[in-house]
Amino acid sequence: VYRILPARIGQRRLMLMMALLALAFSSLADNITASLIML
């Protein structure tokens, strides 16, 4: 997380980044693994 996110980030941008990460990761891995990682 520290390497992906800047020290300060807008909440809206953070929500967008997290949503896109969840979309991409769950497409490649199964939903269970993706959920564990994202949560």
PDB file of all heavy atoms in Angstrom:
ATOM      1  N   VAL A   1       0.837  -1.196   0.000  1.00  0.00           N
ATOM      2  CA  VAL A   1       0.000   0.000   0.000  1.00  0.00           C
ATOM      3  C   VAL A   1       0.874   1.248   0.000  1.00  0.00           C
ATOM      4  O   VAL A   1       0.622   2.205  -0.745  1.00  0.00           O
ATOM      5  CB  VAL A   1      -0.940   0.005   1.227  1.00  0.00           C
ATOM      6  CG1 VAL A   1      -1.700   1.312   1.316  1.00  0.00           C
ATOM      7  CG2 VAL A   1      -1.906  -1.153   1.139  1.00  0.00           C
ATOM      8  N   TYR A   2       1.912   1.258   0.852  1.00  0.00           N
ATOM      9  CA  TYR A   2       2.789   2.423   0.933  1.00  0.00           C
ATOM     10  C   TYR A   2       3.479   2.717  -0.397  1.00  0.00           C
ATOM     11  O   TYR A   2       3.773   3.869  -0.721  1.00  0.00           O
ATOM     12  CB  TYR A   2       3.859   2.199   2.008  1.00  0.00           C
ATOM     13  CG  TYR A   2       3.315   2.087   3.415  1.00  0.00           C
ATOM     14  CD1 TYR A   2       4.053   1.462   4.410  1.00  0.00           C
ATOM     15  CD2 TYR A   2       2.067   2.602   3.750  1.00  0.00           C
ATOM     16  CE1 TYR A   2       3.567   1.353   5.708  1.00  0.00           C
ATOM     17  CE2 TYR A   2       1.569   2.492   5.035  1.00  0.00           C
ATOM     18  CZ  TYR A   2       2.314   1.864   6.004  1.00  0.00           C
ATOM     19  OH  TYR A   2       1.831   1.751   7.290  1.00  0.00           O
ATOM     20  N   ARG A   3       3.743   1.664  -1.165  1.00  0.00           N
ATOM     21  CA  ARG A   3       4.438   1.856  -2.437  1.00  0.00           C
ATOM     22  C   ARG A   3       3.498   2.240  -3.572  1.00  0.00           C
ATOM     23  O   ARG A   3       3.939   2.785  -4.578  1.00  0.00           O
ATOM     24  CB  ARG A   3       5.226   0.583  -2.793  1.00  0.00           C
ATOM     25  CG  ARG A   3       6.498   0.413  -1.970  1.00  0.00           C
ATOM     26  CD  ARG A   3       7.007  -1.004  -1.960  1.00  0.00           C
ATOM     27  NE  ARG A   3       8.327  -1.126  -1.358  1.00  0.00           N
ATOM     28  CZ  ARG A   3       8.576  -1.024  -0.066  1.00  0.00           C
ATOM     29  NH1 ARG A   3       7.572  -0.826   0.773  1.00  0.00           N
ATOM     30  NH2 ARG A   3       9.810  -1.125   0.409  1.00  0.00           N
ATOM     31  N   ILE A   4       2.208   1.930  -3.417  1.00  0.00           N
ATOM     32  CA  ILE A   4       1.236   2.266  -4.457  1.00  0.00           C
ATOM     33  C   ILE A   4       0.639   3.649  -4.232  1.00  0.00           C
ATOM     34  O   ILE A   4       0.496   4.446  -5.163  1.00  0.00           O
ATOM     35  CB  ILE A   4       0.115   1.213  -4.507  1.00  0.00           C
ATOM     36  CG1 ILE A   4       0.671  -0.129  -4.969  1.00  0.00           C
ATOM     37  CG2 ILE A   4      -1.011   1.662  -5.430  1.00  0.00           C
ATOM     38  CD1 ILE A   4      -0.362  -1.244  -4.961  1.00  0.00           C
ATOM     39  N   LEU A   5       0.302   3.941  -2.978  1.00  0.00           N
ATOM     40  CA  LEU A   5      -0.410   5.174  -2.666  1.00  0.00           C
ATOM     41  C   LEU A   5       0.555   6.275  -2.248  1.00  0.00           C
ATOM     42  O   LEU A   5       1.560   6.018  -1.575  1.00  0.00           O
ATOM     43  CB  LEU A   5      -1.405   4.921  -1.528  1.00  0.00           C
ATOM     44  CG  LEU A   5      -2.474   3.853  -1.795  1.00  0.00           C
ATOM     45  CD1 LEU A   5      -3.361   3.691  -0.567  1.00  0.00           C
ATOM     46  CD2 LEU A   5      -3.308   4.210  -3.006  1.00  0.00           C
ATOM     47  N   PRO A   6       0.241   7.517  -2.628  1.00  0.00           N
ATOM     48  CA  PRO A   6       1.055   8.640  -2.165  1.00  0.00           C
ATOM     49  C   PRO A   6       0.784   8.928  -0.693  1.00  0.00           C
ATOM     50  O   PRO A   6      -0.161   8.393  -0.103  1.00  0.00           O
ATOM     51  CB  PRO A   6       0.581   9.790  -3.053  1.00  0.00           C
ATOM     52  CG  PRO A   6      -0.820   9.423  -3.432  1.00  0.00           C
ATOM     53  CD  PRO A   6      -0.838   7.928  -3.541  1.00  0.00           C
ATOM     54  N   ALA A   7       1.607   9.800  -0.117  1.00  0.00           N
ATOM     55  CA  ALA A   7       1.450  10.126   1.305  1.00  0.00           C
ATOM     56  C   ALA A   7       0.112  10.802   1.570  1.00  0.00           C
ATOM     57  O   ALA A   7      -0.502  10.609   2.618  1.00  0.00           O
ATOM     58  CB  ALA A   7       2.600  11.006   1.777  1.00  0.00           C
ATOM     59  N   ARG A   8      -0.350  11.595   0.632  1.00  0.00           N
ATOM     60  CA  ARG A   8      -1.664  12.232   0.729  1.00  0.00           C
ATOM     61  C   ARG A   8      -2.431  11.937  -0.545  1.00  0.00           C
ATOM     62  O   ARG A   8      -1.886  12.044  -1.642  1.00  0.00           O
ATOM     63  CB  ARG A   8      -1.547  13.745   0.928  1.00  0.00           C
ATOM     64  CG  ARG A   8      -0.906  14.163   2.241  1.00  0.00           C
ATOM     65  CD  ARG A   8      -0.884  15.674   2.375  1.00  0.00           C
ATOM     66  NE  ARG A   8      -2.216  16.242   2.383  1.00  0.00           N
ATOM     67  CZ  ARG A   8      -2.975  16.369   3.476  1.00  0.00           C
ATOM     68  NH1 ARG A   8      -2.500  15.958   4.652  1.00  0.00           N
ATOM     69  NH2 ARG A   8      -4.168  16.908   3.416  1.00  0.00           N
ATOM     70  N   ILE A   9      -3.680  11.573  -0.403  1.00  0.00           N
ATOM     71  CA  ILE A   9      -4.490  11.242  -1.572  1.00  0.00           C
ATOM     72  C   ILE A   9      -5.939  11.624  -1.292  1.00  0.00           C
ATOM     73  O   ILE A   9      -6.419  11.470  -0.158  1.00  0.00           O
ATOM     74  CB  ILE A   9      -4.392   9.733  -1.906  1.00  0.00           C
ATOM     75  CG1 ILE A   9      -5.158   9.419  -3.188  1.00  0.00           C
ATOM     76  CG2 ILE A   9      -4.865   8.877  -0.753  1.00  0.00           C
ATOM     77  CD1 ILE A   9      -4.970   7.990  -3.683  1.00  0.00           C
ATOM     78  N   GLY A  10      -6.601  12.146  -2.300  1.00  0.00           N
ATOM     79  CA  GLY A  10      -8.002  12.487  -2.145  1.00  0.00           C
ATOM     80  C   GLY A  10      -8.837  11.230  -1.936  1.00  0.00           C
ATOM     81  O   GLY A  10      -8.534  10.178  -2.496  1.00  0.00           O
ATOM     82  N   GLN A  11      -9.880  11.360  -1.119  1.00  0.00           N
ATOM     83  CA  GLN A  11     -10.701  10.183  -0.825  1.00  0.00           C
ATOM     84  C   GLN A  11     -11.339   9.626  -2.084  1.00  0.00           C
ATOM     85  O   GLN A  11     -11.452   8.400  -2.241  1.00  0.00           O
ATOM     86  CB  GLN A  11     -11.796  10.547   0.189  1.00  0.00           C
ATOM     87  CG  GLN A  11     -12.604   9.351   0.668  1.00  0.00           C
ATOM     88  CD  GLN A  11     -13.563   9.720   1.789  1.00  0.00           C
ATOM     89  OE1 GLN A  11     -13.254  10.571   2.609  1.00  0.00           O
ATOM     90  NE2 GLN A  11     -14.717   9.090   1.803  1.00  0.00           N
ATOM     91  N   ARG A  12     -11.745  10.488  -2.992  1.00  0.00           N
ATOM     92  CA  ARG A  12     -12.374  10.023  -4.239  1.00  0.00           C
ATOM     93  C   ARG A  12     -11.389   9.238  -5.097  1.00  0.00           C
ATOM     94  O   ARG A  12     -11.732   8.200  -5.665  1.00  0.00           O
ATOM     95  CB  ARG A  12     -12.934  11.222  -5.012  1.00  0.00           C
ATOM     96  CG  ARG A  12     -14.049  11.953  -4.281  1.00  0.00           C
ATOM     97  CD  ARG A  12     -14.657  13.047  -5.111  1.00  0.00           C
ATOM     98  NE  ARG A  12     -15.800  13.651  -4.444  1.00  0.00           N
ATOM     99  CZ  ARG A  12     -16.626  14.527  -5.002  1.00  0.00           C
ATOM    100  NH1 ARG A  12     -16.406  14.922  -6.255  1.00  0.00           N
ATOM    101  NH2 ARG A  12     -17.637  15.033  -4.327  1.00  0.00           N
ATOM    102  N   ARG A  13     -10.177   9.763  -5.182  1.00  0.00           N
ATOM    103  CA  ARG A  13      -9.162   9.061  -5.969  1.00  0.00           C
ATOM    104  C   ARG A  13      -8.807   7.721  -5.329  1.00  0.00           C
ATOM    105  O   ARG A  13      -8.590   6.721  -6.018  1.00  0.00           O
ATOM    106  CB  ARG A  13      -7.922   9.931  -6.088  1.00  0.00           C
ATOM    107  CG  ARG A  13      -6.833   9.330  -6.967  1.00  0.00           C
ATOM    108  CD  ARG A  13      -5.604  10.203  -6.963  1.00  0.00           C
ATOM    109  NE  ARG A  13      -4.471   9.534  -7.584  1.00  0.00           N
ATOM    110  CZ  ARG A  13      -3.214   9.911  -7.436  1.00  0.00           C
ATOM    111  NH1 ARG A  13      -2.906  10.947  -6.682  1.00  0.00           N
ATOM    112  NH2 ARG A  13      -2.238   9.241  -8.030  1.00  0.00           N
ATOM    113  N   LEU A  14      -8.781   7.698  -4.004  1.00  0.00           N
ATOM    114  CA  LEU A  14      -8.485   6.457  -3.306  1.00  0.00           C
ATOM    115  C   LEU A  14      -9.556   5.406  -3.564  1.00  0.00           C
ATOM    116  O   LEU A  14      -9.254   4.233  -3.803  1.00  0.00           O
ATOM    117  CB  LEU A  14      -8.365   6.715  -1.801  1.00  0.00           C
ATOM    118  CG  LEU A  14      -8.077   5.499  -0.919  1.00  0.00           C
ATOM    119  CD1 LEU A  14      -6.737   4.864  -1.295  1.00  0.00           C
ATOM    120  CD2 LEU A  14      -8.094   5.882   0.559  1.00  0.00           C
ATOM    121  N   MET A  15     -10.827   5.827  -3.550  1.00  0.00           N
ATOM    122  CA  MET A  15     -11.926   4.895  -3.818  1.00  0.00           C
ATOM    123  C   MET A  15     -11.819   4.341  -5.235  1.00  0.00           C
ATOM    124  O   MET A  15     -12.039   3.152  -5.468  1.00  0.00           O
ATOM    125  CB  MET A  15     -13.275   5.584  -3.608  1.00  0.00           C
ATOM    126  CG  MET A  15     -13.554   5.975  -2.164  1.00  0.00           C
ATOM    127  SD  MET A  15     -15.161   6.770  -1.925  1.00  0.00           S
ATOM    128  CE  MET A  15     -16.243   5.341  -2.059  1.00  0.00           C
ATOM    129  N   LEU A  16     -11.474   5.204  -6.186  1.00  0.00           N
ATOM    130  CA  LEU A  16     -11.334   4.757  -7.579  1.00  0.00           C
ATOM    131  C   LEU A  16     -10.206   3.749  -7.708  1.00  0.00           C
ATOM    132  O   LEU A  16     -10.362   2.696  -8.345  1.00  0.00           O
ATOM    133  CB  LEU A  16     -11.079   5.960  -8.484  1.00  0.00           C
ATOM    134  CG  LEU A  16     -10.788   5.653  -9.960  1.00  0.00           C
ATOM    135  CD1 LEU A  16     -11.971   4.936 -10.600  1.00  0.00           C
ATOM    136  CD2 LEU A  16     -10.446   6.924 -10.726  1.00  0.00           C
ATOM    137  N   MET A  17      -9.068   4.027  -7.091  1.00  0.00           N
ATOM    138  CA  MET A  17      -7.927   3.121  -7.188  1.00  0.00           C
ATOM    139  C   MET A  17      -8.234   1.765  -6.556  1.00  0.00           C
ATOM    140  O   MET A  17      -7.905   0.717  -7.113  1.00  0.00           O
ATOM    141  CB  MET A  17      -6.709   3.754  -6.512  1.00  0.00           C
ATOM    142  CG  MET A  17      -6.127   4.949  -7.250  1.00  0.00           C
ATOM    143  SD  MET A  17      -4.649   5.625  -6.433  1.00  0.00           S
ATOM    144  CE  MET A  17      -3.501   4.272  -6.667  1.00  0.00           C
ATOM    145  N   MET A  18      -8.885   1.784  -5.400  1.00  0.00           N
ATOM    146  CA  MET A  18      -9.222   0.529  -4.732  1.00  0.00           C
ATOM    147  C   MET A  18     -10.222  -0.276  -5.559  1.00  0.00           C
ATOM    148  O   MET A  18     -10.126  -1.507  -5.653  1.00  0.00           O
ATOM    149  CB  MET A  18      -9.798   0.819  -3.349  1.00  0.00           C
ATOM    150  CG  MET A  18      -8.804   1.423  -2.378  1.00  0.00           C
ATOM    151  SD  MET A  18      -7.593   0.232  -1.760  1.00  0.00           S
ATOM    152  CE  MET A  18      -8.571  -0.630  -0.537  1.00  0.00           C
ATOM    153  N   ALA A  19     -11.204   0.400  -6.169  1.00  0.00           N
ATOM    154  CA  ALA A  19     -12.202  -0.295  -6.985  1.00  0.00           C
ATOM    155  C   ALA A  19     -11.555  -0.953  -8.202  1.00  0.00           C
ATOM    156  O   ALA A  19     -11.863  -2.106  -8.547  1.00  0.00           O
ATOM    157  CB  ALA A  19     -13.295   0.679  -7.427  1.00  0.00           C
ATOM    158  N   LEU A  20     -10.652  -0.231  -8.859  1.00  0.00           N
ATOM    159  CA  LEU A  20      -9.986  -0.779 -10.045  1.00  0.00           C
ATOM    160  C   LEU A  20      -9.063  -1.938  -9.677  1.00  0.00           C
ATOM    161  O   LEU A  20      -8.965  -2.928 -10.409  1.00  0.00           O
ATOM    162  CB  LEU A  20      -9.202   0.321 -10.756  1.00  0.00           C
ATOM    163  CG  LEU A  20     -10.040   1.448 -11.373  1.00  0.00           C
ATOM    164  CD1 LEU A  20      -9.150   2.498 -12.023  1.00  0.00           C
ATOM    165  CD2 LEU A  20     -11.037   0.889 -12.394  1.00  0.00           C
ATOM    166  N   LEU A  21      -8.387  -1.820  -8.527  1.00  0.00           N
ATOM    167  CA  LEU A  21      -7.548  -2.924  -8.067  1.00  0.00           C
ATOM    168  C   LEU A  21      -8.382  -4.171  -7.792  1.00  0.00           C
ATOM    169  O   LEU A  21      -7.992  -5.290  -8.155  1.00  0.00           O
ATOM    170  CB  LEU A  21      -6.799  -2.507  -6.793  1.00  0.00           C
ATOM    171  CG  LEU A  21      -5.553  -1.635  -6.966  1.00  0.00           C
ATOM    172  CD1 LEU A  21      -5.051  -1.163  -5.602  1.00  0.00           C
ATOM    173  CD2 LEU A  21      -4.460  -2.379  -7.714  1.00  0.00           C
ATOM    174  N   ALA A  22      -9.536  -3.984  -7.159  1.00  0.00           N
ATOM    175  CA  ALA A  22     -10.416  -5.117  -6.861  1.00  0.00           C
ATOM    176  C   ALA A  22     -10.917  -5.762  -8.143  1.00  0.00           C
ATOM    177  O   ALA A  22     -10.971  -6.994  -8.257  1.00  0.00           O
ATOM    178  CB  ALA A  22     -11.589  -4.655  -6.000  1.00  0.00           C
ATOM    179  N   LEU A  23     -11.301  -4.938  -9.118  1.00  0.00           N
ATOM    180  CA  LEU A  23     -11.768  -5.455 -10.407  1.00  0.00           C
ATOM    181  C   LEU A  23     -10.688  -6.283 -11.092  1.00  0.00           C
ATOM    182  O   LEU A  23     -10.933  -7.403 -11.544  1.00  0.00           O
ATOM    183  CB  LEU A  23     -12.170  -4.290 -11.309  1.00  0.00           C
ATOM    184  CG  LEU A  23     -13.630  -3.853 -11.329  1.00  0.00           C
ATOM    185  CD1 LEU A  23     -13.765  -2.537 -12.078  1.00  0.00           C
ATOM    186  CD2 LEU A  23     -14.507  -4.911 -11.962  1.00  0.00           C
ATOM    187  N   ALA A  24      -9.496  -5.715 -11.171  1.00  0.00           N
ATOM    188  CA  ALA A  24      -8.412  -6.384 -11.892  1.00  0.00           C
ATOM    189  C   ALA A  24      -7.989  -7.671 -11.192  1.00  0.00           C
ATOM    190  O   ALA A  24      -7.824  -8.717 -11.834  1.00  0.00           O
ATOM    191  CB  ALA A  24      -7.218  -5.437 -12.019  1.00  0.00           C
ATOM    192  N   PHE A  25      -7.833  -7.619  -9.878  1.00  0.00           N
ATOM    193  CA  PHE A  25      -7.318  -8.779  -9.155  1.00  0.00           C
ATOM    194  C   PHE A  25      -8.313  -9.927  -9.162  1.00  0.00           C
ATOM    195  O   PHE A  25      -7.941 -11.091  -9.300  1.00  0.00           O
ATOM    196  CB  PHE A  25      -6.973  -8.390  -7.718  1.00  0.00           C
ATOM    197  CG  PHE A  25      -6.097  -9.405  -7.034  1.00  0.00           C
ATOM    198  CD1 PHE A  25      -4.749  -9.494  -7.341  1.00  0.00           C
ATOM    199  CD2 PHE A  25      -6.614 -10.282  -6.107  1.00  0.00           C
ATOM    200  CE1 PHE A  25      -3.942 -10.441  -6.731  1.00  0.00           C
ATOM    201  CE2 PHE A  25      -5.813 -11.229  -5.488  1.00  0.00           C
ATOM    202  CZ  PHE A  25      -4.474 -11.300  -5.806  1.00  0.00           C
ATOM    203  N   SER A  26      -9.617  -9.612  -9.027  1.00  0.00           N
ATOM    204  CA  SER A  26     -10.616 -10.678  -8.991  1.00  0.00           C
ATOM    205  C   SER A  26     -10.844 -11.306 -10.352  1.00  0.00           C
ATOM    206  O   SER A  26     -11.396 -12.400 -10.450  1.00  0.00           O
ATOM    207  CB  SER A  26     -11.946 -10.139  -8.441  1.00  0.00           C
ATOM    208  OG  SER A  26     -12.479  -9.135  -9.276  1.00  0.00           O
ATOM    209  N   SER A  27     -10.441 -10.611 -11.408  1.00  0.00           N
ATOM    210  CA  SER A  27     -10.527 -11.213 -12.739  1.00  0.00           C
ATOM    211  C   SER A  27      -9.465 -12.280 -12.926  1.00  0.00           C
ATOM    212  O   SER A  27      -9.672 -13.260 -13.642  1.00  0.00           O
ATOM    213  CB  SER A  27     -10.367 -10.137 -13.819  1.00  0.00           C
ATOM    214  OG  SER A  27     -11.459  -9.239 -13.803  1.00  0.00           O
ATOM    215  N   LEU A  28      -8.324 -12.080 -12.288  1.00  0.00           N
ATOM    216  CA  LEU A  28      -7.210 -13.013 -12.446  1.00  0.00           C
ATOM    217  C   LEU A  28      -7.230 -14.101 -11.384  1.00  0.00           C
ATOM    218  O   LEU A  28      -6.923 -15.254 -11.665  1.00  0.00           O
ATOM    219  CB  LEU A  28      -5.883 -12.248 -12.379  1.00  0.00           C
ATOM    220  CG  LEU A  28      -5.670 -11.193 -13.464  1.00  0.00           C
ATOM    221  CD1 LEU A  28      -4.387 -10.436 -13.211  1.00  0.00           C
ATOM    222  CD2 LEU A  28      -5.655 -11.833 -14.845  1.00  0.00           C
ATOM    223  N   ALA A  29      -7.570 -13.736 -10.165  1.00  0.00           N
ATOM    224  CA  ALA A  29      -7.655 -14.710  -9.085  1.00  0.00           C
ATOM    225  C   ALA A  29      -9.130 -14.985  -8.802  1.00  0.00           C
ATOM    226  O   ALA A  29     -10.010 -14.377  -9.392  1.00  0.00           O
ATOM    227  CB  ALA A  29      -6.953 -14.179  -7.840  1.00  0.00           C
ATOM    228  N   ASP A  30      -9.385 -15.908  -7.896  1.00  0.00           N
ATOM    229  CA  ASP A  30     -10.768 -16.175  -7.512  1.00  0.00           C
ATOM    230  C   ASP A  30     -11.250 -15.089  -6.556  1.00  0.00           C
ATOM    231  O   ASP A  30     -10.465 -14.331  -5.984  1.00  0.00           O
ATOM    232  CB  ASP A  30     -10.855 -17.543  -6.824  1.00  0.00           C
ATOM    233  CG  ASP A  30     -10.058 -17.546  -5.540  1.00  0.00           C
ATOM    234  OD1 ASP A  30      -8.816 -17.677  -5.630  1.00  0.00           O
ATOM    235  OD2 ASP A  30     -10.651 -17.404  -4.474  1.00  0.00           O
ATOM    236  N   ASN A  31     -12.578 -15.011  -6.377  1.00  0.00           N
ATOM    237  CA  ASN A  31     -13.168 -13.973  -5.544  1.00  0.00           C
ATOM    238  C   ASN A  31     -12.704 -14.041  -4.100  1.00  0.00           C
ATOM    239  O   ASN A  31     -12.568 -13.002  -3.445  1.00  0.00           O
ATOM    240  CB  ASN A  31     -14.704 -14.080  -5.593  1.00  0.00           C
ATOM    241  CG  ASN A  31     -15.272 -13.665  -6.937  1.00  0.00           C
ATOM    242  OD1 ASN A  31     -14.532 -13.164  -7.794  1.00  0.00           O
ATOM    243  ND2 ASN A  31     -16.548 -13.855  -7.131  1.00  0.00           N
ATOM    244  N   ILE A  32     -12.498 -15.246  -3.592  1.00  0.00           N
ATOM    245  CA  ILE A  32     -12.112 -15.391  -2.191  1.00  0.00           C
ATOM    246  C   ILE A  32     -10.730 -14.794  -1.956  1.00  0.00           C
ATOM    247  O   ILE A  32     -10.525 -13.988  -1.041  1.00  0.00           O
ATOM    248  CB  ILE A  32     -12.136 -16.871  -1.773  1.00  0.00           C
ATOM    249  CG1 ILE A  32     -13.573 -17.406  -1.844  1.00  0.00           C
ATOM    250  CG2 ILE A  32     -11.581 -17.054  -0.368  1.00  0.00           C
ATOM    251  CD1 ILE A  32     -13.684 -18.903  -1.633  1.00  0.00           C
ATOM    252  N   THR A  33      -9.774 -15.170  -2.794  1.00  0.00           N
ATOM    253  CA  THR A  33      -8.419 -14.643  -2.646  1.00  0.00           C
ATOM    254  C   THR A  33      -8.398 -13.133  -2.834  1.00  0.00           C
ATOM    255  O   THR A  33      -7.755 -12.409  -2.062  1.00  0.00           O
ATOM    256  CB  THR A  33      -7.469 -15.307  -3.656  1.00  0.00           C
ATOM    257  OG1 THR A  33      -7.543 -16.724  -3.516  1.00  0.00           O
ATOM    258  CG2 THR A  33      -6.042 -14.848  -3.438  1.00  0.00           C
ATOM    259  N   ALA A  34      -9.121 -12.651  -3.856  1.00  0.00           N
ATOM    260  CA  ALA A  34      -9.173 -11.204  -4.111  1.00  0.00           C
ATOM    261  C   ALA A  34      -9.775 -10.466  -2.921  1.00  0.00           C
ATOM    262  O   ALA A  34      -9.298  -9.391  -2.535  1.00  0.00           O
ATOM    263  CB  ALA A  34      -9.989 -10.929  -5.370  1.00  0.00           C
ATOM    264  N   SER A  35     -10.815 -11.022  -2.324  1.00  0.00           N
ATOM    265  CA  SER A  35     -11.458 -10.381  -1.172  1.00  0.00           C
ATOM    266  C   SER A  35     -10.496 -10.299   0.002  1.00  0.00           C
ATOM    267  O   SER A  35     -10.395  -9.260   0.666  1.00  0.00           O
ATOM    268  CB  SER A  35     -12.714 -11.157  -0.758  1.00  0.00           C
ATOM    269  OG  SER A  35     -13.648 -11.198  -1.803  1.00  0.00           O
ATOM    270  N   LEU A  36      -9.795 -11.399   0.273  1.00  0.00           N
ATOM    271  CA  LEU A  36      -8.854 -11.410   1.391  1.00  0.00           C
ATOM    272  C   LEU A  36      -7.769 -10.356   1.213  1.00  0.00           C
ATOM    273  O   LEU A  36      -7.429  -9.627   2.149  1.00  0.00           O
ATOM    274  CB  LEU A  36      -8.223 -12.799   1.519  1.00  0.00           C
ATOM    275  CG  LEU A  36      -9.150 -13.926   1.991  1.00  0.00           C
ATOM    276  CD1 LEU A  36      -8.472 -15.281   1.820  1.00  0.00           C
ATOM    277  CD2 LEU A  36      -9.541 -13.714   3.445  1.00  0.00           C
ATOM    278  N   ILE A  37      -7.241 -10.240   0.011  1.00  0.00           N
ATOM    279  CA  ILE A  37      -6.178  -9.275  -0.249  1.00  0.00           C
ATOM    280  C   ILE A  37      -6.697  -7.849  -0.141  1.00  0.00           C
ATOM    281  O   ILE A  37      -6.117  -7.000   0.544  1.00  0.00           O
ATOM    282  CB  ILE A  37      -5.575  -9.501  -1.649  1.00  0.00           C
ATOM    283  CG1 ILE A  37      -4.863 -10.857  -1.721  1.00  0.00           C
ATOM    284  CG2 ILE A  37      -4.604  -8.371  -1.997  1.00  0.00           C
ATOM    285  CD1 ILE A  37      -3.668 -10.980  -0.827  1.00  0.00           C
ATOM    286  N   MET A  38      -7.832  -7.546  -0.783  1.00  0.00           N
ATOM    287  CA  MET A  38      -8.353  -6.180  -0.804  1.00  0.00           C
ATOM    288  C   MET A  38      -8.816  -5.727   0.574  1.00  0.00           C
ATOM    289  O   MET A  38      -8.629  -4.567   0.953  1.00  0.00           O
ATOM    290  CB  MET A  38      -9.496  -6.070  -1.811  1.00  0.00           C
ATOM    291  CG  MET A  38      -9.096  -6.308  -3.251  1.00  0.00           C
ATOM    292  SD  MET A  38      -7.668  -5.324  -3.793  1.00  0.00           S
ATOM    293  CE  MET A  38      -8.247  -3.644  -3.495  1.00  0.00           C
ATOM    294  N   LEU A  39      -9.405  -6.619   1.344  1.00  0.00           N
ATOM    295  CA  LEU A  39      -9.860  -6.245   2.679  1.00  0.00           C
ATOM    296  C   LEU A  39      -8.679  -6.071   3.630  1.00  0.00           C
ATOM    297  O   LEU A  39      -8.745  -5.255   4.560  1.00  0.00           O
ATOM    298  CB  LEU A  39     -10.845  -7.280   3.222  1.00  0.00           C
ATOM    299  CG  LEU A  39     -12.199  -7.276   2.502  1.00  0.00           C
ATOM    300  CD1 LEU A  39     -12.997  -8.518   2.851  1.00  0.00           C
ATOM    301  CD2 LEU A  39     -12.991  -6.022   2.852  1.00  0.00           C
TER     302      LEU A  39
END
